[in-house]
């Protein structure tokens, strides 16, 4: 799962959650980055602007939820003294900010906005909490997939470089009439003396003998599995 797929999945989370909320609030998902909060999914353009207002001013319930790791709610922002600057500029009446967590890490905030006073229904707050938990699971899945891709890339690189090293070992064994272990020790000593990688030593040997740069085999990913159609 790449970043675009992850953000599309977050948008799907909002769509599903919205259908389960009787209040039909404006919603947003903002993730923490170096600049503060970055909105990655929203059900209404105004929700994104309200996230940005808090990120720029450094004040607001989203900021508090991210700082404390606890949900922040207000049933009447006009009468709430905690965020006077934000409340005055936002023109809202109710708000609920649910922190997004994954394995103890605070990722961002799921926020519900409403122009109606009185807060949100219990079903809405429960849905927000469940959605936040689901986003945490989604994040772990995306992170696990990214790590798997990194490991696969490292494995491909190791296989490619190993193929060139094996070519060089064959050349050294033929020239020096030695074992593969002895040939590798020769390559390793040259690597240490010149302070370069064994692969670079091997590539130099292959290039010197053949007159061409070593051809590294390419290990392609297997084609994706096609799911059988269900009738």
Foldseek 3Di string as FASTA:
>chain_A
DDPVVLLVVLQVLVVVLQVQFPVNFKKWWWWQDPQGTQTSYTPDPLVRVLRVVCSVVVADQQNVCLVPVAKDWAQALVPDPRGVPSSVPSQFGIKIWHFADAPRDTTGIMMTTHRHGGYGDPSSVVSRNVSSPVSNVSVVVVVVVVVVVVVVVVVQVVQQLVVLLVVLLVVCCVVVVDDSVVSLVVLVVVCVVVVHDSSVSSQVSCCVVVVDGDDGDGDDDDDDDDDDDDD
